PDB file of all heavy atoms in Angstrom:
ATOM      1  N   LEU A   1      95.828 175.169 151.788  1.00  0.00           N
ATOM      2  CA  LEU A   1      95.570 173.952 152.622  1.00  0.00           C
ATOM      3  C   LEU A   1      94.170 173.350 152.322  1.00  0.00           C
ATOM      4  O   LEU A   1      93.699 172.523 152.925  1.00  0.00           O
ATOM      5  CB  LEU A   1      95.636 174.142 154.166  1.00  0.00           C
ATOM      6  CG  LEU A   1      96.983 174.928 154.609  1.00  0.00           C
ATOM      7  CD1 LEU A   1      96.855 175.167 156.134  1.00  0.00           C
ATOM      8  CD2 LEU A   1      98.209 174.086 154.322  1.00  0.00           C
ATOM      9  N   LEU A   2      93.599 173.791 151.224  1.00  0.00           N
ATOM     10  CA  LEU A   2      92.271 173.396 150.750  1.00  0.00           C
ATOM     11  C   LEU A   2      92.303 172.630 149.497  1.00  0.00           C
ATOM     12  O   LEU A   2      93.167 172.887 148.604  1.00  0.00           O
ATOM     13  CB  LEU A   2      91.330 174.598 150.662  1.00  0.00           C
ATOM     14  CG  LEU A   2      91.041 175.528 151.833  1.00  0.00           C
ATOM     15  CD1 LEU A   2      90.319 176.834 151.358  1.00  0.00           C
ATOM     16  CD2 LEU A   2      90.453 174.925 152.971  1.00  0.00           C
ATOM     17  N   THR A   3      91.368 171.704 149.164  1.00  0.00           N
ATOM     18  CA  THR A   3      91.198 171.093 147.917  1.00  0.00           C
ATOM     19  C   THR A   3      90.713 172.165 147.039  1.00  0.00           C
ATOM     20  O   THR A   3      90.113 173.154 147.333  1.00  0.00           O
ATOM     21  CB  THR A   3      90.173 170.028 147.967  1.00  0.00           C
ATOM     22  OG1 THR A   3      88.832 170.515 148.355  1.00  0.00           O
ATOM     23  CG2 THR A   3      90.484 168.869 148.955  1.00  0.00           C
ATOM     24  N   PRO A   4      90.932 172.058 145.667  1.00  0.00           N
ATOM     25  CA  PRO A   4      90.353 172.984 144.669  1.00  0.00           C
ATOM     26  C   PRO A   4      88.887 173.278 144.866  1.00  0.00           C
ATOM     27  O   PRO A   4      88.505 174.348 144.630  1.00  0.00           O
ATOM     28  CB  PRO A   4      90.681 172.436 143.427  1.00  0.00           C
ATOM     29  CG  PRO A   4      91.937 171.490 143.671  1.00  0.00           C
ATOM     30  CD  PRO A   4      91.728 171.059 145.046  1.00  0.00           C
ATOM     31  N   TYR A   5      88.173 172.242 145.208  1.00  0.00           N
ATOM     32  CA  TYR A   5      86.691 172.393 145.393  1.00  0.00           C
ATOM     33  C   TYR A   5      86.547 173.442 146.525  1.00  0.00           C
ATOM     34  O   TYR A   5      85.657 174.238 146.468  1.00  0.00           O
ATOM     35  CB  TYR A   5      86.064 170.997 145.682  1.00  0.00           C
ATOM     36  CG  TYR A   5      84.706 171.104 146.375  1.00  0.00           C
ATOM     37  CD1 TYR A   5      83.606 171.287 145.606  1.00  0.00           C
ATOM     38  CD2 TYR A   5      84.605 170.865 147.758  1.00  0.00           C
ATOM     39  CE1 TYR A   5      82.313 171.342 146.134  1.00  0.00           C
ATOM     40  CE2 TYR A   5      83.264 170.987 148.326  1.00  0.00           C
ATOM     41  CZ  TYR A   5      82.185 171.218 147.522  1.00  0.00           C
ATOM     42  OH  TYR A   5      80.936 171.240 148.146  1.00  0.00           O
ATOM     43  N   GLU A   6      87.024 173.172 147.660  1.00  0.00           N
ATOM     44  CA  GLU A   6      86.828 174.060 148.780  1.00  0.00           C
ATOM     45  C   GLU A   6      87.351 175.431 148.607  1.00  0.00           C
ATOM     46  O   GLU A   6      86.867 176.472 148.930  1.00  0.00           O
ATOM     47  CB  GLU A   6      87.451 173.412 150.083  1.00  0.00           C
ATOM     48  CG  GLU A   6      86.661 172.262 150.611  1.00  0.00           C
ATOM     49  CD  GLU A   6      85.290 172.628 151.083  1.00  0.00           C
ATOM     50  OE1 GLU A   6      85.039 173.744 151.467  1.00  0.00           O
ATOM     51  OE2 GLU A   6      84.468 171.723 150.944  1.00  0.00           O
ATOM     52  N   TYR A   7      88.476 175.506 147.858  1.00  0.00           N
ATOM     53  CA  TYR A   7      89.181 176.786 147.513  1.00  0.00           C
ATOM     54  C   TYR A   7      88.168 177.635 146.584  1.00  0.00           C
ATOM     55  O   TYR A   7      87.960 178.818 146.844  1.00  0.00           O
ATOM     56  CB  TYR A   7      90.435 176.497 146.758  1.00  0.00           C
ATOM     57  CG  TYR A   7      91.165 177.871 146.388  1.00  0.00           C
ATOM     58  CD1 TYR A   7      91.976 178.484 147.255  1.00  0.00           C
ATOM     59  CD2 TYR A   7      91.083 178.277 145.119  1.00  0.00           C
ATOM     60  CE1 TYR A   7      92.652 179.581 146.887  1.00  0.00           C
ATOM     61  CE2 TYR A   7      91.645 179.397 144.628  1.00  0.00           C
ATOM     62  CZ  TYR A   7      92.517 180.027 145.587  1.00  0.00           C
ATOM     63  OH  TYR A   7      93.204 181.186 145.185  1.00  0.00           O
ATOM     64  N   ALA A   8      87.727 177.049 145.562  1.00  0.00           N
ATOM     65  CA  ALA A   8      86.603 177.640 144.677  1.00  0.00           C
ATOM     66  C   ALA A   8      85.445 178.075 145.472  1.00  0.00           C
ATOM     67  O   ALA A   8      85.018 179.199 145.278  1.00  0.00           O
ATOM     68  CB  ALA A   8      86.262 176.660 143.560  1.00  0.00           C
ATOM     69  N   ARG A   9      84.987 177.305 146.268  1.00  0.00           N
ATOM     70  CA  ARG A   9      83.715 177.580 147.163  1.00  0.00           C
ATOM     71  C   ARG A   9      83.940 178.860 147.991  1.00  0.00           C
ATOM     72  O   ARG A   9      83.109 179.703 148.115  1.00  0.00           O
ATOM     73  CB  ARG A   9      83.385 176.464 147.929  1.00  0.00           C
ATOM     74  CG  ARG A   9      81.944 176.479 148.658  1.00  0.00           C
ATOM     75  CD  ARG A   9      81.604 175.218 149.147  1.00  0.00           C
ATOM     76  NE  ARG A   9      82.258 174.813 150.371  1.00  0.00           N
ATOM     77  CZ  ARG A   9      81.980 175.069 151.578  1.00  0.00           C
ATOM     78  NH1 ARG A   9      80.813 175.863 151.796  1.00  0.00           N
ATOM     79  NH2 ARG A   9      82.608 174.668 152.640  1.00  0.00           N
ATOM     80  N   LEU A  10      85.257 179.001 148.400  1.00  0.00           N
ATOM     81  CA  LEU A  10      85.561 180.086 149.284  1.00  0.00           C
ATOM     82  C   LEU A  10      85.858 181.370 148.541  1.00  0.00           C
ATOM     83  O   LEU A  10      85.231 182.515 148.749  1.00  0.00           O
ATOM     84  CB  LEU A  10      86.817 179.781 150.142  1.00  0.00           C
ATOM     85  CG  LEU A  10      87.317 180.865 151.059  1.00  0.00           C
ATOM     86  CD1 LEU A  10      86.339 181.480 151.918  1.00  0.00           C
ATOM     87  CD2 LEU A  10      88.417 180.230 151.954  1.00  0.00           C
ATOM     88  N   VAL A  11      86.733 181.318 147.511  1.00  0.00           N
ATOM     89  CA  VAL A  11      87.105 182.602 146.830  1.00  0.00           C
ATOM     90  C   VAL A  11      86.141 183.183 146.032  1.00  0.00           C
ATOM     91  O   VAL A  11      86.069 184.391 145.721  1.00  0.00           O
ATOM     92  CB  VAL A  11      88.532 182.351 146.113  1.00  0.00           C
ATOM     93  CG1 VAL A  11      89.632 181.964 146.981  1.00  0.00           C
ATOM     94  CG2 VAL A  11      88.347 181.511 144.927  1.00  0.00           C
ATOM     95  N   MET A  12      85.205 182.336 145.405  1.00  0.00           N
ATOM     96  CA  MET A  12      84.194 182.865 144.576  1.00  0.00           C
ATOM     97  C   MET A  12      83.283 183.785 145.363  1.00  0.00           C
ATOM     98  O   MET A  12      82.601 184.682 144.761  1.00  0.00           O
ATOM     99  CB  MET A  12      83.458 181.776 143.711  1.00  0.00           C
ATOM    100  CG  MET A  12      84.341 181.188 142.817  1.00  0.00           C
ATOM    101  SD  MET A  12      83.485 180.105 141.535  1.00  0.00           S
ATOM    102  CE  MET A  12      82.963 181.472 140.416  1.00  0.00           C
ATOM    103  N   GLN A  13      83.175 183.455 146.560  1.00  0.00           N
ATOM    104  CA  GLN A  13      82.368 184.526 147.462  1.00  0.00           C
ATOM    105  C   GLN A  13      82.878 185.885 147.518  1.00  0.00           C
ATOM    106  O   GLN A  13      82.282 186.861 147.878  1.00  0.00           O
ATOM    107  CB  GLN A  13      82.282 183.982 148.941  1.00  0.00           C
ATOM    108  CG  GLN A  13      81.562 182.673 149.040  1.00  0.00           C
ATOM    109  CD  GLN A  13      81.660 182.129 150.515  1.00  0.00           C
ATOM    110  OE1 GLN A  13      81.410 182.805 151.384  1.00  0.00           O
ATOM    111  NE2 GLN A  13      81.843 180.856 150.582  1.00  0.00           N
ATOM    112  N   HIS A  14      84.254 186.002 147.112  1.00  0.00           N
ATOM    113  CA  HIS A  14      84.892 187.301 147.186  1.00  0.00           C
ATOM    114  C   HIS A  14      85.070 187.898 145.845  1.00  0.00           C
ATOM    115  O   HIS A  14      85.916 188.853 145.717  1.00  0.00           O
ATOM    116  CB  HIS A  14      86.248 187.097 147.907  1.00  0.00           C
ATOM    117  CG  HIS A  14      86.120 186.710 149.293  1.00  0.00           C
ATOM    118  ND1 HIS A  14      85.988 187.701 150.282  1.00  0.00           N
ATOM    119  CD2 HIS A  14      86.224 185.578 149.989  1.00  0.00           C
ATOM    120  CE1 HIS A  14      85.893 187.132 151.477  1.00  0.00           C
ATOM    121  NE2 HIS A  14      85.986 185.859 151.305  1.00  0.00           N
ATOM    122  N   GLY A  15      84.279 187.497 144.865  1.00  0.00           N
ATOM    123  CA  GLY A  15      84.349 188.131 143.491  1.00  0.00           C
ATOM    124  C   GLY A  15      85.247 187.548 142.509  1.00  0.00           C
ATOM    125  O   GLY A  15      85.421 187.985 141.435  1.00  0.00           O
ATOM    126  N   THR A  16      86.061 186.530 143.024  1.00  0.00           N
ATOM    127  CA  THR A  16      87.124 185.981 142.055  1.00  0.00           C
ATOM    128  C   THR A  16      86.402 184.981 141.177  1.00  0.00           C
ATOM    129  O   THR A  16      85.745 184.093 141.594  1.00  0.00           O
ATOM    130  CB  THR A  16      88.241 185.316 142.866  1.00  0.00           C
ATOM    131  OG1 THR A  16      88.857 186.207 143.683  1.00  0.00           O
ATOM    132  CG2 THR A  16      89.241 184.600 141.864  1.00  0.00           C
ATOM    133  N   THR A  17      86.708 185.100 139.909  1.00  0.00           N
ATOM    134  CA  THR A  17      86.135 184.040 138.943  1.00  0.00           C
ATOM    135  C   THR A  17      87.135 183.306 138.138  1.00  0.00           C
ATOM    136  O   THR A  17      86.836 182.286 137.437  1.00  0.00           O
ATOM    137  CB  THR A  17      85.227 184.800 138.021  1.00  0.00           C
ATOM    138  OG1 THR A  17      85.955 185.953 137.326  1.00  0.00           O
ATOM    139  CG2 THR A  17      83.979 185.342 138.615  1.00  0.00           C
ATOM    140  N   THR A  18      88.466 183.820 138.128  1.00  0.00           N
ATOM    141  CA  THR A  18      89.664 183.185 137.451  1.00  0.00           C
ATOM    142  C   THR A  18      90.798 183.206 138.399  1.00  0.00           C
ATOM    143  O   THR A  18      91.145 184.300 138.913  1.00  0.00           O
ATOM    144  CB  THR A  18      89.918 183.822 136.212  1.00  0.00           C
ATOM    145  OG1 THR A  18      88.690 183.816 135.325  1.00  0.00           O
ATOM    146  CG2 THR A  18      91.104 183.115 135.444  1.00  0.00           C
ATOM    147  N   VAL A  19      91.615 182.093 138.393  1.00  0.00           N
ATOM    148  CA  VAL A  19      92.910 182.194 139.078  1.00  0.00           C
ATOM    149  C   VAL A  19      93.825 181.475 138.062  1.00  0.00           C
ATOM    150  O   VAL A  19      93.527 180.549 137.398  1.00  0.00           O
ATOM    151  CB  VAL A  19      92.894 181.429 140.501  1.00  0.00           C
ATOM    152  CG1 VAL A  19      91.914 181.983 141.462  1.00  0.00           C
ATOM    153  CG2 VAL A  19      92.564 179.913 140.193  1.00  0.00           C
ATOM    154  N   VAL A  20      95.131 182.069 138.009  1.00  0.00           N
ATOM    155  CA  VAL A  20      96.113 181.535 137.393  1.00  0.00           C
ATOM    156  C   VAL A  20      97.043 180.729 138.352  1.00  0.00           C
ATOM    157  O   VAL A  20      97.820 181.352 139.054  1.00  0.00           O
ATOM    158  CB  VAL A  20      96.911 182.501 136.570  1.00  0.00           C
ATOM    159  CG1 VAL A  20      98.056 181.882 135.698  1.00  0.00           C
ATOM    160  CG2 VAL A  20      95.993 183.369 135.710  1.00  0.00           C
ATOM    161  N   ALA A  21      96.906 179.424 138.176  1.00  0.00           N
ATOM    162  CA  ALA A  21      97.538 178.535 139.290  1.00  0.00           C
ATOM    163  C   ALA A  21      98.764 177.780 138.686  1.00  0.00           C
ATOM    164  O   ALA A  21      98.692 177.325 137.540  1.00  0.00           O
ATOM    165  CB  ALA A  21      96.550 177.427 139.734  1.00  0.00           C
ATOM    166  N   ASP A  22      99.762 177.847 139.511  1.00  0.00           N
ATOM    167  CA  ASP A  22     101.009 177.044 139.277  1.00  0.00           C
ATOM    168  C   ASP A  22     100.989 175.785 140.154  1.00  0.00           C
ATOM    169  O   ASP A  22     101.154 176.018 141.396  1.00  0.00           O
ATOM    170  CB  ASP A  22     102.234 177.878 139.322  1.00  0.00           C
ATOM    171  CG  ASP A  22     103.483 177.041 139.108  1.00  0.00           C
ATOM    172  OD1 ASP A  22     103.510 175.885 139.129  1.00  0.00           O
ATOM    173  OD2 ASP A  22     104.583 177.759 138.862  1.00  0.00           O
ATOM    174  N   PRO A  23     100.628 174.637 139.768  1.00  0.00           N
ATOM    175  CA  PRO A  23     100.589 173.499 140.728  1.00  0.00           C
ATOM    176  C   PRO A  23     101.974 172.799 141.042  1.00  0.00           C
ATOM    177  O   PRO A  23     101.991 171.568 141.141  1.00  0.00           O
ATOM    178  CB  PRO A  23      99.611 172.514 139.884  1.00  0.00           C
ATOM    179  CG  PRO A  23      99.977 172.848 138.449  1.00  0.00           C
ATOM    180  CD  PRO A  23     100.345 174.207 138.364  1.00  0.00           C
ATOM    181  N   HIS A  24     102.914 173.586 141.168  1.00  0.00           N
ATOM    182  CA  HIS A  24     104.307 173.000 141.436  1.00  0.00           C
ATOM    183  C   HIS A  24     104.411 172.307 142.844  1.00  0.00           C
ATOM    184  O   HIS A  24     105.203 171.460 143.117  1.00  0.00           O
ATOM    185  CB  HIS A  24     105.478 173.871 141.081  1.00  0.00           C
ATOM    186  CG  HIS A  24     105.714 175.005 142.046  1.00  0.00           C
ATOM    187  ND1 HIS A  24     106.136 176.319 141.639  1.00  0.00           N
ATOM    188  CD2 HIS A  24     105.628 175.099 143.418  1.00  0.00           C
ATOM    189  CE1 HIS A  24     106.345 177.040 142.701  1.00  0.00           C
ATOM    190  NE2 HIS A  24     106.007 176.368 143.793  1.00  0.00           N
ATOM    191  N   GLU A  25     103.511 172.787 143.780  1.00  0.00           N
ATOM    192  CA  GLU A  25     103.616 172.126 145.107  1.00  0.00           C
ATOM    193  C   GLU A  25     103.101 170.709 144.915  1.00  0.00           C
ATOM    194  O   GLU A  25     103.821 169.853 145.360  1.00  0.00           O
ATOM    195  CB  GLU A  25     102.587 172.846 146.052  1.00  0.00           C
ATOM    196  CG  GLU A  25     102.736 174.335 146.046  1.00  0.00           C
ATOM    197  CD  GLU A  25     104.068 174.961 146.580  1.00  0.00           C
ATOM    198  OE1 GLU A  25     104.935 174.189 146.865  1.00  0.00           O
ATOM    199  OE2 GLU A  25     104.249 176.179 146.437  1.00  0.00           O
ATOM    200  N   ILE A  26     101.931 170.449 144.374  1.00  0.00           N
ATOM    201  CA  ILE A  26     101.463 169.110 144.243  1.00  0.00           C
ATOM    202  C   ILE A  26     102.267 168.257 143.232  1.00  0.00           C
ATOM    203  O   ILE A  26     102.334 167.137 143.440  1.00  0.00           O
ATOM    204  CB  ILE A  26      99.838 169.120 143.882  1.00  0.00           C
ATOM    205  CG1 ILE A  26      99.256 167.728 144.012  1.00  0.00           C
ATOM    206  CG2 ILE A  26      99.737 169.649 142.465  1.00  0.00           C
ATOM    207  CD1 ILE A  26      99.098 167.308 145.535  1.00  0.00           C
ATOM    208  N   ALA A  27     102.851 169.006 142.383  1.00  0.00           N
ATOM    209  CA  ALA A  27     103.652 168.312 141.248  1.00  0.00           C
ATOM    210  C   ALA A  27     105.032 167.695 141.918  1.00  0.00           C
ATOM    211  O   ALA A  27     105.499 166.709 141.527  1.00  0.00           O
ATOM    212  CB  ALA A  27     103.999 169.165 140.041  1.00  0.00           C
ATOM    213  N   ASN A  28     105.540 168.485 142.833  1.00  0.00           N
ATOM    214  CA  ASN A  28     106.726 168.021 143.521  1.00  0.00           C
ATOM    215  C   ASN A  28     106.422 166.715 144.206  1.00  0.00           C
ATOM    216  O   ASN A  28     107.313 165.850 144.301  1.00  0.00           O
ATOM    217  CB  ASN A  28     107.194 169.072 144.518  1.00  0.00           C
ATOM    218  CG  ASN A  28     108.265 170.036 143.982  1.00  0.00           C
ATOM    219  OD1 ASN A  28     109.494 169.735 144.026  1.00  0.00           O
ATOM    220  ND2 ASN A  28     107.810 171.201 143.531  1.00  0.00           N
ATOM    221  N   VAL A  29     105.206 166.635 144.784  1.00  0.00           N
ATOM    222  CA  VAL A  29     104.929 165.398 145.591  1.00  0.00           C
ATOM    223  C   VAL A  29     104.386 164.276 144.760  1.00  0.00           C
ATOM    224  O   VAL A  29     104.637 163.146 144.916  1.00  0.00           O
ATOM    225  CB  VAL A  29     103.923 165.791 146.723  1.00  0.00           C
ATOM    226  CG1 VAL A  29     103.422 164.590 147.446  1.00  0.00           C
ATOM    227  CG2 VAL A  29     104.531 166.766 147.602  1.00  0.00           C
ATOM    228  N   CYS A  30     103.636 164.668 143.674  1.00  0.00           N
ATOM    229  CA  CYS A  30     102.873 163.595 143.027  1.00  0.00           C
ATOM    230  C   CYS A  30     103.159 163.634 141.486  1.00  0.00           C
ATOM    231  O   CYS A  30     102.724 162.772 140.715  1.00  0.00           O
ATOM    232  CB  CYS A  30     101.431 163.887 143.089  1.00  0.00           C
ATOM    233  SG  CYS A  30     100.797 163.775 144.756  1.00  0.00           S
ATOM    234  N   GLY A  31     104.177 164.438 141.035  1.00  0.00           N
ATOM    235  CA  GLY A  31     104.463 164.394 139.613  1.00  0.00           C
ATOM    236  C   GLY A  31     103.449 164.858 138.647  1.00  0.00           C
ATOM    237  O   GLY A  31     102.694 165.688 138.971  1.00  0.00           O
ATOM    238  N   THR A  32     103.424 164.195 137.569  1.00  0.00           N
ATOM    239  CA  THR A  32     102.350 164.634 136.457  1.00  0.00           C
ATOM    240  C   THR A  32     100.925 164.355 137.046  1.00  0.00           C
ATOM    241  O   THR A  32      99.988 165.073 136.630  1.00  0.00           O
ATOM    242  CB  THR A  32     102.595 163.836 135.234  1.00  0.00           C
ATOM    243  OG1 THR A  32     102.651 162.386 135.448  1.00  0.00           O
ATOM    244  CG2 THR A  32     103.857 164.227 134.534  1.00  0.00           C
ATOM    245  N   ALA A  33     100.764 163.377 137.957  1.00  0.00           N
ATOM    246  CA  ALA A  33      99.498 163.100 138.464  1.00  0.00           C
ATOM    247  C   ALA A  33      98.921 164.456 139.290  1.00  0.00           C
ATOM    248  O   ALA A  33      97.804 164.606 139.324  1.00  0.00           O
ATOM    249  CB  ALA A  33      99.421 161.908 139.394  1.00  0.00           C
ATOM    250  N   GLY A  34      99.890 165.125 139.828  1.00  0.00           N
ATOM    251  CA  GLY A  34      99.419 166.323 140.493  1.00  0.00           C
ATOM    252  C   GLY A  34      98.935 167.339 139.603  1.00  0.00           C
ATOM    253  O   GLY A  34      97.955 168.097 139.834  1.00  0.00           O
ATOM    254  N   ILE A  35      99.648 167.556 138.387  1.00  0.00           N
ATOM    255  CA  ILE A  35      99.075 168.421 137.351  1.00  0.00           C
ATOM    256  C   ILE A  35      97.576 168.027 136.902  1.00  0.00           C
ATOM    257  O   ILE A  35      96.682 168.771 136.754  1.00  0.00           O
ATOM    258  CB  ILE A  35     100.069 168.529 136.168  1.00  0.00           C
ATOM    259  CG1 ILE A  35     101.372 168.978 136.724  1.00  0.00           C
ATOM    260  CG2 ILE A  35      99.519 169.468 135.163  1.00  0.00           C
ATOM    261  CD1 ILE A  35     102.542 168.983 135.556  1.00  0.00           C
ATOM    262  N   GLU A  36      97.566 166.666 136.714  1.00  0.00           N
ATOM    263  CA  GLU A  36      96.255 166.103 136.269  1.00  0.00           C
ATOM    264  C   GLU A  36      95.192 166.498 137.272  1.00  0.00           C
ATOM    265  O   GLU A  36      93.988 166.750 136.914  1.00  0.00           O
ATOM    266  CB  GLU A  36      96.280 164.673 136.046  1.00  0.00           C
ATOM    267  CG  GLU A  36      97.025 164.151 134.800  1.00  0.00           C
ATOM    268  CD  GLU A  36      96.387 164.287 133.518  1.00  0.00           C
ATOM    269  OE1 GLU A  36      95.189 164.778 133.553  1.00  0.00           O
ATOM    270  OE2 GLU A  36      96.896 163.986 132.447  1.00  0.00           O
TER     271      GLU A  36
END
C-alpha cells in the first residue's frame, strides 16, 4: 500500500538491499505505464 519511495525507506531499515518485484498489480490497472 506504499509508493516505491516509501517502501524503500521502510524495508532498508531492516537490512534489505534488493527486492525482485513483479509489478503485475499496477500493470493490471495501468498497463505498460505501470511497469514504467
